[in-house]
PDB file of N, CA and C in Angstrom:
ATOM      1  N   MET A   1       0.846  -1.174   0.000  1.00  0.00           N
ATOM      2  CA  MET A   1       0.000   0.000   0.000  1.00  0.00           C
ATOM      3  C   MET A   1       0.893   1.240   0.000  1.00  0.00           C
ATOM      4  N   LYS A   2       0.517   2.215  -0.779  1.00  0.00           N
ATOM      5  CA  LYS A   2       1.296   3.438  -0.903  1.00  0.00           C
ATOM      6  C   LYS A   2       0.925   4.440   0.180  1.00  0.00           C
ATOM      7  N   PHE A   3       1.809   5.425   0.358  1.00  0.00           N
ATOM      8  CA  PHE A   3       1.580   6.474   1.347  1.00  0.00           C
ATOM      9  C   PHE A   3       0.208   7.112   1.172  1.00  0.00           C
ATOM     10  N   GLN A   4      -0.137   7.446  -0.067  1.00  0.00           N
ATOM     11  CA  GLN A   4      -1.408   8.135  -0.308  1.00  0.00           C
ATOM     12  C   GLN A   4      -2.596   7.315   0.179  1.00  0.00           C
ATOM     13  N   GLU A   5      -2.537   6.015   0.023  1.00  0.00           N
ATOM     14  CA  GLU A   5      -3.624   5.144   0.481  1.00  0.00           C
ATOM     15  C   GLU A   5      -3.619   5.012   1.996  1.00  0.00           C
ATOM     16  N   ARG A   6      -2.423   4.882   2.569  1.00  0.00           N
ATOM     17  CA  ARG A   6      -2.312   4.731   4.029  1.00  0.00           C
ATOM     18  C   ARG A   6      -2.846   5.952   4.757  1.00  0.00           C
ATOM     19  N   ILE A   7      -2.447   7.125   4.300  1.00  0.00           N
ATOM     20  CA  ILE A   7      -2.827   8.338   5.012  1.00  0.00           C
ATOM     21  C   ILE A   7      -4.338   8.544   4.947  1.00  0.00           C
ATOM     22  N   LYS A   8      -4.919   8.267   3.798  1.00  0.00           N
ATOM     23  CA  LYS A   8      -6.366   8.415   3.655  1.00  0.00           C
ATOM     24  C   LYS A   8      -7.089   7.384   4.518  1.00  0.00           C
ATOM     25  N   GLU A   9      -6.597   6.155   4.508  1.00  0.00           N
ATOM     26  CA  GLU A   9      -7.204   5.084   5.304  1.00  0.00           C
ATOM     27  C   GLU A   9      -7.172   5.427   6.800  1.00  0.00           C
ATOM     28  N   LEU A  10      -6.034   5.880   7.283  1.00  0.00           N
ATOM     29  CA  LEU A  10      -5.907   6.242   8.703  1.00  0.00           C
ATOM     30  C   LEU A  10      -6.797   7.424   9.061  1.00  0.00           C
ATOM     31  N   ARG A  11      -6.878   8.382   8.176  1.00  0.00           N
ATOM     32  CA  ARG A  11      -7.729   9.547   8.419  1.00  0.00           C
ATOM     33  C   ARG A  11      -9.195   9.134   8.504  1.00  0.00           C
ATOM     34  N   ILE A  12      -9.626   8.288   7.594  1.00  0.00           N
ATOM     35  CA  ILE A  12     -11.020   7.827   7.582  1.00  0.00           C
ATOM     36  C   ILE A  12     -11.322   6.972   8.809  1.00  0.00           C
ATOM     37  N   GLN A  13     -10.359   6.144   9.227  1.00  0.00           N
ATOM     38  CA  GLN A  13     -10.547   5.328  10.432  1.00  0.00           C
ATOM     39  C   GLN A  13     -10.801   6.205  11.658  1.00  0.00           C
ATOM     40  N   LYS A  14     -10.192   7.388  11.672  1.00  0.00           N
ATOM     41  CA  LYS A  14     -10.396   8.315  12.792  1.00  0.00           C
ATOM     42  C   LYS A  14     -11.616   9.211  12.567  1.00  0.00           C
ATOM     43  N   ASN A  15     -12.344   8.967  11.478  1.00  0.00           N
ATOM     44  CA  ASN A  15     -13.533   9.760  11.168  1.00  0.00           C
ATOM     45  C   ASN A  15     -13.212  11.238  11.046  1.00  0.00           C
ATOM     46  N   MET A  16     -12.126  11.544  10.371  1.00  0.00           N
ATOM     47  CA  MET A  16     -11.676  12.928  10.247  1.00  0.00           C
ATOM     48  C   MET A  16     -11.743  13.385   8.796  1.00  0.00           C
ATOM     49  N   SER A  17     -12.066  14.654   8.619  1.00  0.00           N
ATOM     50  CA  SER A  17     -11.964  15.263   7.295  1.00  0.00           C
ATOM     51  C   SER A  17     -10.509  15.702   7.100  1.00  0.00           C
ATOM     52  N   GLN A  18     -10.185  16.064   5.881  1.00  0.00           N
ATOM     53  CA  GLN A  18      -8.841  16.585   5.642  1.00  0.00           C
ATOM     54  C   GLN A  18      -8.613  17.851   6.457  1.00  0.00           C
ATOM     55  N   MET A  19      -9.625  18.675   6.576  1.00  0.00           N
ATOM     56  CA  MET A  19      -9.499  19.920   7.336  1.00  0.00           C
ATOM     57  C   MET A  19      -9.258  19.636   8.820  1.00  0.00           C
ATOM     58  N   GLU A  20      -9.958  18.654   9.367  1.00  0.00           N
ATOM     59  CA  GLU A  20      -9.757  18.290  10.776  1.00  0.00           C
ATOM     60  C   GLU A  20      -8.350  17.765  11.001  1.00  0.00           C
ATOM     61  N   LEU A  21      -7.855  16.948  10.069  1.00  0.00           N
ATOM     62  CA  LEU A  21      -6.486  16.440  10.177  1.00  0.00           C
ATOM     63  C   LEU A  21      -5.497  17.598  10.082  1.00  0.00           C
ATOM     64  N   SER A  22      -5.779  18.526   9.213  1.00  0.00           N
ATOM     65  CA  SER A  22      -4.928  19.695   9.065  1.00  0.00           C
ATOM     66  C   SER A  22      -4.832  20.477  10.373  1.00  0.00           C
ATOM     67  N   LYS A  23      -5.966  20.739  10.987  1.00  0.00           N
ATOM     68  CA  LYS A  23      -5.988  21.491  12.241  1.00  0.00           C
ATOM     69  C   LYS A  23      -5.286  20.727  13.364  1.00  0.00           C
ATOM     70  N   ALA A  24      -5.440  19.399  13.383  1.00  0.00           N
ATOM     71  CA  ALA A  24      -4.848  18.582  14.443  1.00  0.00           C
ATOM     72  C   ALA A  24      -3.330  18.454  14.318  1.00  0.00           C
ATOM     73  N   THR A  25      -2.820  18.544  13.093  1.00  0.00           N
ATOM     74  CA  THR A  25      -1.391  18.319  12.872  1.00  0.00           C
ATOM     75  C   THR A  25      -0.605  19.576  12.523  1.00  0.00           C
ATOM     76  N   GLY A  26      -1.311  20.633  12.134  1.00  0.00           N
ATOM     77  CA  GLY A  26      -0.623  21.838  11.697  1.00  0.00           C
ATOM     78  C   GLY A  26      -0.147  21.774  10.261  1.00  0.00           C
ATOM     79  N   LEU A  27      -0.544  20.724   9.542  1.00  0.00           N
ATOM     80  CA  LEU A  27      -0.202  20.580   8.131  1.00  0.00           C
ATOM     81  C   LEU A  27      -1.338  21.178   7.308  1.00  0.00           C
ATOM     82  N   SER A  28      -1.038  21.681   6.135  1.00  0.00           N
ATOM     83  CA  SER A  28      -2.092  22.334   5.361  1.00  0.00           C
ATOM     84  C   SER A  28      -3.056  21.317   4.749  1.00  0.00           C
ATOM     85  N   GLN A  29      -4.314  21.723   4.657  1.00  0.00           N
ATOM     86  CA  GLN A  29      -5.338  20.852   4.077  1.00  0.00           C
ATOM     87  C   GLN A  29      -5.029  20.599   2.610  1.00  0.00           C
ATOM     88  N   SER A  30      -4.534  21.597   1.920  1.00  0.00           N
ATOM     89  CA  SER A  30      -4.230  21.412   0.495  1.00  0.00           C
ATOM     90  C   SER A  30      -3.096  20.407   0.303  1.00  0.00           C
ATOM     91  N   ALA A  31      -2.116  20.414   1.200  1.00  0.00           N
ATOM     92  CA  ALA A  31      -1.030  19.433   1.113  1.00  0.00           C
ATOM     93  C   ALA A  31      -1.565  18.029   1.350  1.00  0.00           C
ATOM     94  N   ILE A  32      -2.426  17.876   2.341  1.00  0.00           N
ATOM     95  CA  ILE A  32      -3.015  16.565   2.637  1.00  0.00           C
ATOM     96  C   ILE A  32      -3.804  16.061   1.433  1.00  0.00           C
ATOM     97  N   ALA A  33      -4.582  16.937   0.813  1.00  0.00           N
ATOM     98  CA  ALA A  33      -5.365  16.562  -0.365  1.00  0.00           C
ATOM     99  C   ALA A  33      -4.443  16.105  -1.500  1.00  0.00           C
ATOM    100  N   LYS A  34      -3.375  16.836  -1.728  1.00  0.00           N
ATOM    101  CA  LYS A  34      -2.438  16.485  -2.804  1.00  0.00           C
ATOM    102  C   LYS A  34      -1.741  15.161  -2.515  1.00  0.00           C
ATOM    103  N   TRP A  35      -1.399  14.906  -1.251  1.00  0.00           N
ATOM    104  CA  TRP A  35      -0.773  13.623  -0.901  1.00  0.00           C
ATOM    105  C   TRP A  35      -1.733  12.476  -1.147  1.00  0.00           C
ATOM    106  N   GLU A  36      -2.991  12.647  -0.724  1.00  0.00           N
ATOM    107  CA  GLU A  36      -3.977  11.587  -0.892  1.00  0.00           C
ATOM    108  C   GLU A  36      -4.261  11.300  -2.368  1.00  0.00           C
ATOM    109  N   LEU A  37      -4.125  12.302  -3.208  1.00  0.00           N
ATOM    110  CA  LEU A  37      -4.330  12.120  -4.648  1.00  0.00           C
ATOM    111  C   LEU A  37      -3.064  11.657  -5.361  1.00  0.00           C
ATOM    112  N   GLY A  38      -1.951  11.627  -4.638  1.00  0.00           N
ATOM    113  CA  GLY A  38      -0.687  11.216  -5.228  1.00  0.00           C
ATOM    114  C   GLY A  38      -0.069  12.268  -6.131  1.00  0.00           C
ATOM    115  N   LYS A  39      -0.497  13.522  -5.960  1.00  0.00           N
ATOM    116  CA  LYS A  39       0.026  14.596  -6.801  1.00  0.00           C
ATOM    117  C   LYS A  39       1.362  15.124  -6.323  1.00  0.00           C
ATOM    118  N   THR A  40       1.606  15.072  -5.013  1.00  0.00           N
ATOM    119  CA  THR A  40       2.885  15.508  -4.456  1.00  0.00           C
ATOM    120  C   THR A  40       3.320  14.518  -3.383  1.00  0.00           C
ATOM    121  N   GLU A  41       4.576  14.624  -3.001  1.00  0.00           N
ATOM    122  CA  GLU A  41       5.141  13.785  -1.943  1.00  0.00           C
ATOM    123  C   GLU A  41       5.340  14.632  -0.688  1.00  0.00           C
ATOM    124  N   PRO A  42       5.110  14.046   0.481  1.00  0.00           N
ATOM    125  CA  PRO A  42       5.297  14.799   1.721  1.00  0.00           C
ATOM    126  C   PRO A  42       6.776  14.953   2.064  1.00  0.00           C
ATOM    127  N   THR A  43       7.065  15.964   2.858  1.00  0.00           N
ATOM    128  CA  THR A  43       8.430  16.126   3.365  1.00  0.00           C
ATOM    129  C   THR A  43       8.666  15.107   4.480  1.00  0.00           C
ATOM    130  N   ALA A  44       9.911  14.908   4.819  1.00  0.00           N
ATOM    131  CA  ALA A  44      10.246  14.002   5.918  1.00  0.00           C
ATOM    132  C   ALA A  44       9.602  14.481   7.214  1.00  0.00           C
ATOM    133  N   THR A  45       9.603  15.777   7.425  1.00  0.00           N
ATOM    134  CA  THR A  45       8.998  16.338   8.635  1.00  0.00           C
ATOM    135  C   THR A  45       7.508  16.036   8.693  1.00  0.00           C
ATOM    136  N   ALA A  46       6.816  16.185   7.575  1.00  0.00           N
ATOM    137  CA  ALA A  46       5.379  15.907   7.539  1.00  0.00           C
ATOM    138  C   ALA A  46       5.107  14.429   7.819  1.00  0.00           C
ATOM    139  N   ILE A  47       5.944  13.551   7.294  1.00  0.00           N
ATOM    140  CA  ILE A  47       5.772  12.113   7.535  1.00  0.00           C
ATOM    141  C   ILE A  47       5.905  11.808   9.022  1.00  0.00           C
ATOM    142  N   VAL A  48       6.880  12.408   9.676  1.00  0.00           N
ATOM    143  CA  VAL A  48       7.084  12.204  11.113  1.00  0.00           C
ATOM    144  C   VAL A  48       5.894  12.737  11.904  1.00  0.00           C
ATOM    145  N   VAL A  49       5.408  13.919  11.550  1.00  0.00           N
ATOM    146  CA  VAL A  49       4.248  14.509  12.236  1.00  0.00           C
ATOM    147  C   VAL A  49       3.044  13.573  12.111  1.00  0.00           C
ATOM    148  N   LEU A  50       2.793  13.069  10.922  1.00  0.00           N
ATOM    149  CA  LEU A  50       1.652  12.171  10.701  1.00  0.00           C
ATOM    150  C   LEU A  50       1.826  10.846  11.431  1.00  0.00           C
ATOM    151  N   ALA A  51       3.034  10.310  11.415  1.00  0.00           N
ATOM    152  CA  ALA A  51       3.297   9.046  12.120  1.00  0.00           C
ATOM    153  C   ALA A  51       3.029   9.209  13.611  1.00  0.00           C
ATOM    154  N   GLU A  52       3.490  10.300  14.192  1.00  0.00           N
ATOM    155  CA  GLU A  52       3.258  10.550  15.614  1.00  0.00           C
ATOM    156  C   GLU A  52       1.774  10.745  15.900  1.00  0.00           C
ATOM    157  N   PHE A  53       1.089  11.485  15.042  1.00  0.00           N
ATOM    158  CA  PHE A  53      -0.342  11.731  15.245  1.00  0.00           C
ATOM    159  C   PHE A  53      -1.137  10.430  15.202  1.00  0.00           C
ATOM    160  N   PHE A  54      -0.852   9.585  14.220  1.00  0.00           N
ATOM    161  CA  PHE A  54      -1.608   8.340  14.056  1.00  0.00           C
ATOM    162  C   PHE A  54      -1.077   7.190  14.919  1.00  0.00           C
ATOM    163  N   GLY A  55       0.053   7.387  15.570  1.00  0.00           N
ATOM    164  CA  GLY A  55       0.628   6.328  16.396  1.00  0.00           C
ATOM    165  C   GLY A  55       1.162   5.172  15.573  1.00  0.00           C
ATOM    166  N   GLU A  56       1.694   5.498  14.415  1.00  0.00           N
ATOM    167  CA  GLU A  56       2.254   4.508  13.502  1.00  0.00           C
ATOM    168  C   GLU A  56       3.716   4.831  13.244  1.00  0.00           C
ATOM    169  N   THR A  57       4.416   3.894  12.648  1.00  0.00           N
ATOM    170  CA  THR A  57       5.804   4.156  12.286  1.00  0.00           C
ATOM    171  C   THR A  57       5.855   4.830  10.919  1.00  0.00           C
ATOM    172  N   THR A  58       6.944   5.504  10.667  1.00  0.00           N
ATOM    173  CA  THR A  58       7.116   6.114   9.350  1.00  0.00           C
ATOM    174  C   THR A  58       7.195   5.028   8.275  1.00  0.00           C
ATOM    175  N   ASP A  59       7.802   3.899   8.602  1.00  0.00           N
ATOM    176  CA  ASP A  59       7.876   2.786   7.649  1.00  0.00           C
ATOM    177  C   ASP A  59       6.481   2.294   7.278  1.00  0.00           C
ATOM    178  N   TYR A  60       5.574   2.254   8.246  1.00  0.00           N
ATOM    179  CA  TYR A  60       4.204   1.838   7.959  1.00  0.00           C
ATOM    180  C   TYR A  60       3.540   2.839   7.022  1.00  0.00           C
ATOM    181  N   LEU A  61       3.670   4.127   7.323  1.00  0.00           N
ATOM    182  CA  LEU A  61       3.053   5.145   6.462  1.00  0.00           C
ATOM    183  C   LEU A  61       3.590   5.086   5.039  1.00  0.00           C
ATOM    184  N   LEU A  62       4.859   4.800   4.906  1.00  0.00           N
ATOM    185  CA  LEU A  62       5.480   4.756   3.593  1.00  0.00           C
ATOM    186  C   LEU A  62       5.246   3.444   2.854  1.00  0.00           C
ATOM    187  N   GLY A  63       4.608   2.477   3.518  1.00  0.00           N
ATOM    188  CA  GLY A  63       4.307   1.211   2.875  1.00  0.00           C
ATOM    189  C   GLY A  63       5.469   0.245   2.852  1.00  0.00           C
ATOM    190  N   ILE A  64       6.483   0.491   3.680  1.00  0.00           N
ATOM    191  CA  ILE A  64       7.645  -0.391   3.732  1.00  0.00           C
ATOM    192  C   ILE A  64       7.319  -1.666   4.509  1.00  0.00           C
ATOM    193  N   VAL A  65       6.515  -1.510   5.561  1.00  0.00           N
ATOM    194  CA  VAL A  65       6.074  -2.656   6.368  1.00  0.00           C
ATOM    195  C   VAL A  65       4.544  -2.674   6.407  1.00  0.00           C
ATOM    196  N   GLU A  66       4.015  -3.846   6.657  1.00  0.00           N
ATOM    197  CA  GLU A  66       2.546  -3.993   6.733  1.00  0.00           C
ATOM    198  C   GLU A  66       2.038  -3.622   8.094  1.00  0.00           C
TER     199      GLU A  66
END
């Protein structure tokens, strides 16, 4: 599973909109939308912020491990 699928799946599991995730993490809603669509790649810092927020490893978010 790719990052774009993982991030969307985790967000939906938490019953959050992109805007709610944006407010909770300090990341922009437009960046989250672009990541979920696979239009852009997140920075390393954004990956760490999301991993900490979701309680997952960066390797999991990146699809390296299941």
